[in-house]
Amino acid sequence: MTAMAIQRKPGWWYPYIFVAAFMVVLAVNGVLIYSATSSFTGLETENHYEKGNNYNQDIALARRQDELGWQVEAKVDPVIDAALGTKRRVYIEASFKTRDGDPIDGLAVRALFIRPVQQGHDVSVPMTVKGKGLYVAETGLDFHGVWDLRVVAMGEKDSYQLAQRIQIP
């Protein structure tokens, strides 16, 4: 008697294709999970629910600010000093004028430098009045690059906030 060779059915390897495909999907998901958890900076909006609820109030405040008609300009210049090392010093100048172009003095003005990509490096500095609606300050920043500048002015009856994105060389 001769032994007959057992032949495999056609398509016997199909289940291995499914297993291999799932292994590829799991490997890719693992890489994406590792990338997501290791690169998260932790930067998030605090009290996001309350800020969302106050959105209409923020719009009303912006309209009120526009009705004031104040002309506000801010300028930031780097201070060149080799002794500072990696810390960047900047000089900020903000001018406040009424709708008619008259200078506004007597405001409590504060400049905030907010790092949009990293927590823990924001800087808040009070600005001193120089006269004729001009307010100045000098401060140090930890990094060069992109910063959000907010100049907040509080008067007896009115307040104003200027927000702009700046580049520190």
C-alpha atoms as a PDB file:
ATOM      1  CA  MET A   1       0.000   0.000   0.000  1.00  0.00           C
ATOM      2  CA  THR A   2       1.175   3.427  -0.752  1.00  0.00           C
ATOM      3  CA  ALA A   3       0.670   6.294   1.527  1.00  0.00           C
ATOM      4  CA  MET A   4      -1.346   9.043   0.044  1.00  0.00           C
ATOM      5  CA  ALA A   5      -0.252  12.561   0.635  1.00  0.00           C
ATOM      6  CA  ILE A   6      -2.899  14.652   2.313  1.00  0.00           C
ATOM      7  CA  GLN A   7      -3.620  17.674   0.243  1.00  0.00           C
ATOM      8  CA  ARG A   8      -4.614  20.956   1.856  1.00  0.00           C
ATOM      9  CA  LYS A   9      -7.797  22.607   0.806  1.00  0.00           C
ATOM     10  CA  PRO A  10      -7.446  25.681  -1.384  1.00  0.00           C
ATOM     11  CA  GLY A  11      -7.500  28.860   0.691  1.00  0.00           C
ATOM     12  CA  TRP A  12      -6.083  27.267   3.840  1.00  0.00           C
ATOM     13  CA  TRP A  13      -3.937  30.364   4.388  1.00  0.00           C
ATOM     14  CA  TYR A  14      -6.799  32.934   4.442  1.00  0.00           C
ATOM     15  CA  PRO A  15      -7.057  33.024   8.242  1.00  0.00           C
ATOM     16  CA  TYR A  16      -3.364  33.950   8.410  1.00  0.00           C
ATOM     17  CA  ILE A  17      -4.078  37.003   6.244  1.00  0.00           C
ATOM     18  CA  PHE A  18      -6.679  38.203   8.755  1.00  0.00           C
ATOM     19  CA  VAL A  19      -4.349  37.635  11.692  1.00  0.00           C
ATOM     20  CA  ALA A  20      -1.504  39.501   9.933  1.00  0.00           C
ATOM     21  CA  ALA A  21      -3.814  42.414   9.038  1.00  0.00           C
ATOM     22  CA  PHE A  22      -4.980  42.751  12.644  1.00  0.00           C
ATOM     23  CA  MET A  23      -1.365  42.630  13.845  1.00  0.00           C
ATOM     24  CA  VAL A  24      -0.514  45.532  11.508  1.00  0.00           C
ATOM     25  CA  VAL A  25      -3.500  47.534  12.781  1.00  0.00           C
ATOM     26  CA  LEU A  26      -2.501  46.863  16.411  1.00  0.00           C
ATOM     27  CA  ALA A  27       1.092  47.888  15.735  1.00  0.00           C
ATOM     28  CA  VAL A  28       0.042  51.160  14.077  1.00  0.00           C
ATOM     29  CA  ASN A  29      -2.406  51.905  16.916  1.00  0.00           C
ATOM     30  CA  GLY A  30       0.372  51.278  19.435  1.00  0.00           C
ATOM     31  CA  VAL A  31       2.662  53.761  17.675  1.00  0.00           C
ATOM     32  CA  LEU A  32      -0.118  56.380  17.569  1.00  0.00           C
ATOM     33  CA  ILE A  33      -0.979  55.881  21.248  1.00  0.00           C
ATOM     34  CA  TYR A  34       2.671  56.235  22.249  1.00  0.00           C
ATOM     35  CA  SER A  35       3.024  59.367  20.117  1.00  0.00           C
ATOM     36  CA  ALA A  36      -0.122  60.945  21.588  1.00  0.00           C
ATOM     37  CA  THR A  37       0.777  60.291  25.221  1.00  0.00           C
ATOM     38  CA  SER A  38       4.448  61.229  24.980  1.00  0.00           C
ATOM     39  CA  SER A  39       4.000  64.490  23.042  1.00  0.00           C
ATOM     40  CA  PHE A  40       1.095  66.044  24.992  1.00  0.00           C
ATOM     41  CA  THR A  41       2.234  69.358  26.483  1.00  0.00           C
ATOM     42  CA  GLY A  42      -0.589  69.512  28.996  1.00  0.00           C
ATOM     43  CA  LEU A  43      -1.776  72.819  27.589  1.00  0.00           C
ATOM     44  CA  GLU A  44      -5.530  73.128  27.846  1.00  0.00           C
ATOM     45  CA  THR A  45      -8.145  75.767  28.496  1.00  0.00           C
ATOM     46  CA  GLU A  46      -8.916  76.069  32.173  1.00  0.00           C
ATOM     47  CA  ASN A  47     -12.611  76.336  33.089  1.00  0.00           C
ATOM     48  CA  HIS A  48     -13.562  75.753  29.472  1.00  0.00           C
ATOM     49  CA  TYR A  49     -17.206  75.060  30.312  1.00  0.00           C
ATOM     50  CA  GLU A  50     -17.634  78.381  32.136  1.00  0.00           C
ATOM     51  CA  LYS A  51     -15.828  80.247  29.355  1.00  0.00           C
ATOM     52  CA  GLY A  52     -18.207  78.739  26.839  1.00  0.00           C
ATOM     53  CA  ASN A  53     -21.191  79.798  28.923  1.00  0.00           C
ATOM     54  CA  ASN A  54     -19.822  83.364  29.177  1.00  0.00           C
ATOM     55  CA  TYR A  55     -19.254  83.702  25.438  1.00  0.00           C
ATOM     56  CA  ASN A  56     -22.226  86.047  24.903  1.00  0.00           C
ATOM     57  CA  GLN A  57     -20.995  88.232  27.765  1.00  0.00           C
ATOM     58  CA  ASP A  58     -17.558  88.399  26.108  1.00  0.00           C
ATOM     59  CA  ILE A  59     -19.161  89.480  22.838  1.00  0.00           C
ATOM     60  CA  ALA A  60     -21.079  92.234  24.667  1.00  0.00           C
ATOM     61  CA  LEU A  61     -17.860  93.459  26.319  1.00  0.00           C
ATOM     62  CA  ALA A  62     -16.113  93.532  22.924  1.00  0.00           C
ATOM     63  CA  ARG A  63     -18.959  95.598  21.466  1.00  0.00           C
ATOM     64  CA  ARG A  64     -18.755  97.989  24.400  1.00  0.00           C
ATOM     65  CA  GLN A  65     -15.013  98.285  23.880  1.00  0.00           C
ATOM     66  CA  ASP A  66     -15.565  99.087  20.194  1.00  0.00           C
ATOM     67  CA  GLU A  67     -18.112 101.782  21.159  1.00  0.00           C
ATOM     68  CA  LEU A  68     -15.430 103.523  23.228  1.00  0.00           C
ATOM     69  CA  GLY A  69     -13.525 104.199  20.021  1.00  0.00           C
ATOM     70  CA  TRP A  70     -10.151 104.200  21.731  1.00  0.00           C
ATOM     71  CA  GLN A  71      -7.093 104.096  19.491  1.00  0.00           C
ATOM     72  CA  VAL A  72      -4.662 101.680  21.112  1.00  0.00           C
ATOM     73  CA  GLU A  73      -1.318 100.620  19.724  1.00  0.00           C
ATOM     74  CA  ALA A  74       1.357  98.418  21.260  1.00  0.00           C
ATOM     75  CA  LYS A  75       4.932  97.957  20.144  1.00  0.00           C
ATOM     76  CA  VAL A  76       7.452  95.424  21.462  1.00  0.00           C
ATOM     77  CA  ASP A  77      11.178  95.798  20.830  1.00  0.00           C
ATOM     78  CA  PRO A  78      13.932  93.421  21.944  1.00  0.00           C
ATOM     79  CA  VAL A  79      16.601  94.807  24.278  1.00  0.00           C
ATOM     80  CA  ILE A  80      20.029  93.721  23.069  1.00  0.00           C
ATOM     81  CA  ASP A  81      22.270  92.693  25.986  1.00  0.00           C
ATOM     82  CA  ALA A  82      24.915  89.985  25.669  1.00  0.00           C
ATOM     83  CA  ALA A  83      24.994  89.471  29.452  1.00  0.00           C
ATOM     84  CA  LEU A  84      21.454  88.104  29.479  1.00  0.00           C
ATOM     85  CA  GLY A  85      22.366  84.762  27.909  1.00  0.00           C
ATOM     86  CA  THR A  86      19.297  82.848  26.757  1.00  0.00           C
ATOM     87  CA  LYS A  87      16.755  85.099  28.520  1.00  0.00           C
ATOM     88  CA  ARG A  88      15.227  87.692  26.194  1.00  0.00           C
ATOM     89  CA  ARG A  89      14.494  91.189  27.471  1.00  0.00           C
ATOM     90  CA  VAL A  90      11.824  93.194  25.724  1.00  0.00           C
ATOM     91  CA  TYR A  91      10.679  96.788  25.918  1.00  0.00           C
ATOM     92  CA  ILE A  92       6.954  97.328  25.453  1.00  0.00           C
ATOM     93  CA  GLU A  93       5.273 100.604  24.651  1.00  0.00           C
ATOM     94  CA  ALA A  94       1.498 101.137  24.486  1.00  0.00           C
ATOM     95  CA  SER A  95      -0.307 104.323  23.526  1.00  0.00           C
ATOM     96  CA  PHE A  96      -3.915 105.077  24.402  1.00  0.00           C
ATOM     97  CA  LYS A  97      -5.932 107.814  22.668  1.00  0.00           C
ATOM     98  CA  THR A  98      -9.595 108.721  22.615  1.00  0.00           C
ATOM     99  CA  ARG A  99     -11.716 108.650  19.489  1.00  0.00           C
ATOM    100  CA  ASP A 100     -10.711 112.278  18.877  1.00  0.00           C
ATOM    101  CA  GLY A 101      -6.975 111.559  19.284  1.00  0.00           C
ATOM    102  CA  ASP A 102      -6.594 112.977  22.799  1.00  0.00           C
ATOM    103  CA  PRO A 103      -4.182 111.017  25.044  1.00  0.00           C
ATOM    104  CA  ILE A 104      -5.655 108.956  27.883  1.00  0.00           C
ATOM    105  CA  ASP A 105      -3.729 109.131  31.140  1.00  0.00           C
ATOM    106  CA  GLY A 106      -4.629 107.774  34.565  1.00  0.00           C
ATOM    107  CA  LEU A 107      -5.131 104.162  33.522  1.00  0.00           C
ATOM    108  CA  ALA A 108      -3.854 101.101  35.354  1.00  0.00           C
ATOM    109  CA  VAL A 109      -2.148  99.218  32.515  1.00  0.00           C
ATOM    110  CA  ARG A 110      -0.676  95.721  32.596  1.00  0.00           C
ATOM    111  CA  ALA A 111       1.057  93.768  29.833  1.00  0.00           C
ATOM    112  CA  LEU A 112       0.711  90.004  29.717  1.00  0.00           C
ATOM    113  CA  PHE A 113       3.006  87.832  27.617  1.00  0.00           C
ATOM    114  CA  ILE A 114       1.398  84.418  27.149  1.00  0.00           C
ATOM    115  CA  ARG A 115       3.335  81.519  25.659  1.00  0.00           C
ATOM    116  CA  PRO A 116       0.762  79.734  23.439  1.00  0.00           C
ATOM    117  CA  VAL A 117       2.605  76.403  23.299  1.00  0.00           C
ATOM    118  CA  GLN A 118       3.985  75.891  26.823  1.00  0.00           C
ATOM    119  CA  GLN A 119       2.628  76.369  30.300  1.00  0.00           C
ATOM    120  CA  GLY A 120       4.547  78.012  33.090  1.00  0.00           C
ATOM    121  CA  HIS A 121       6.319  80.740  31.102  1.00  0.00           C
ATOM    122  CA  ASP A 122       3.662  83.467  31.054  1.00  0.00           C
ATOM    123  CA  VAL A 123       4.758  86.906  32.259  1.00  0.00           C
ATOM    124  CA  SER A 124       2.623  89.725  33.642  1.00  0.00           C
ATOM    125  CA  VAL A 125       4.198  93.156  34.092  1.00  0.00           C
ATOM    126  CA  PRO A 126       2.664  96.479  35.200  1.00  0.00           C
ATOM    127  CA  MET A 127       3.247  99.382  32.845  1.00  0.00           C
ATOM    128  CA  THR A 128       4.173 102.858  34.023  1.00  0.00           C
ATOM    129  CA  VAL A 129       2.798 106.034  32.527  1.00  0.00           C
ATOM    130  CA  LYS A 130       5.326 108.073  30.576  1.00  0.00           C
ATOM    131  CA  GLY A 131       2.888 110.858  29.715  1.00  0.00           C
ATOM    132  CA  LYS A 132       0.574 111.844  26.858  1.00  0.00           C
ATOM    133  CA  GLY A 133      -1.174 108.465  26.879  1.00  0.00           C
ATOM    134  CA  LEU A 134       2.069 106.480  26.609  1.00  0.00           C
ATOM    135  CA  TYR A 135       2.719 103.528  28.933  1.00  0.00           C
ATOM    136  CA  VAL A 136       6.006 101.583  29.042  1.00  0.00           C
ATOM    137  CA  ALA A 137       7.530  98.512  30.660  1.00  0.00           C
ATOM    138  CA  GLU A 138      10.537  96.241  30.323  1.00  0.00           C
ATOM    139  CA  THR A 139      10.611  92.557  31.193  1.00  0.00           C
ATOM    140  CA  GLY A 140      12.395  89.292  30.502  1.00  0.00           C
ATOM    141  CA  LEU A 141      11.006  86.359  28.539  1.00  0.00           C
ATOM    142  CA  ASP A 142      12.281  82.781  28.755  1.00  0.00           C
ATOM    143  CA  PHE A 143      12.138  82.009  25.033  1.00  0.00           C
ATOM    144  CA  HIS A 144      12.236  83.666  21.662  1.00  0.00           C
ATOM    145  CA  GLY A 145       9.495  82.854  19.185  1.00  0.00           C
ATOM    146  CA  VAL A 146       5.743  83.335  19.196  1.00  0.00           C
ATOM    147  CA  TRP A 147       3.976  84.995  22.150  1.00  0.00           C
ATOM    148  CA  ASP A 148       0.472  86.327  22.680  1.00  0.00           C
ATOM    149  CA  LEU A 149       0.563  89.885  23.992  1.00  0.00           C
ATOM    150  CA  ARG A 150      -2.365  91.279  25.932  1.00  0.00           C
ATOM    151  CA  VAL A 151      -2.379  94.866  27.101  1.00  0.00           C
ATOM    152  CA  VAL A 152      -5.120  95.393  29.683  1.00  0.00           C
ATOM    153  CA  ALA A 153      -6.069  98.916  30.770  1.00  0.00           C
ATOM    154  CA  MET A 154      -8.447  99.690  33.618  1.00  0.00           C
ATOM    155  CA  GLY A 155      -9.875 103.179  34.069  1.00  0.00           C
ATOM    156  CA  GLU A 156     -12.382 104.578  36.543  1.00  0.00           C
ATOM    157  CA  LYS A 157     -15.353 103.711  34.330  1.00  0.00           C
ATOM    158  CA  ASP A 158     -13.962 101.951  31.305  1.00  0.00           C
ATOM    159  CA  SER A 159     -11.576  99.152  30.515  1.00  0.00           C
ATOM    160  CA  TYR A 160      -9.816  98.065  27.361  1.00  0.00           C
ATOM    161  CA  GLN A 161      -7.954  94.965  26.232  1.00  0.00           C
ATOM    162  CA  LEU A 162      -5.674  94.714  23.228  1.00  0.00           C
ATOM    163  CA  ALA A 163      -4.637  91.247  22.073  1.00  0.00           C
ATOM    164  CA  GLN A 164      -2.096  90.493  19.388  1.00  0.00           C
ATOM    165  CA  ARG A 165       0.343  87.754  18.443  1.00  0.00           C
ATOM    166  CA  ILE A 166       3.975  88.820  18.347  1.00  0.00           C
ATOM    167  CA  GLN A 167       7.295  87.297  17.313  1.00  0.00           C
ATOM    168  CA  ILE A 168      10.306  87.725  19.622  1.00  0.00           C
ATOM    169  CA  PRO A 169      13.615  87.267  17.734  1.00  0.00           C
END
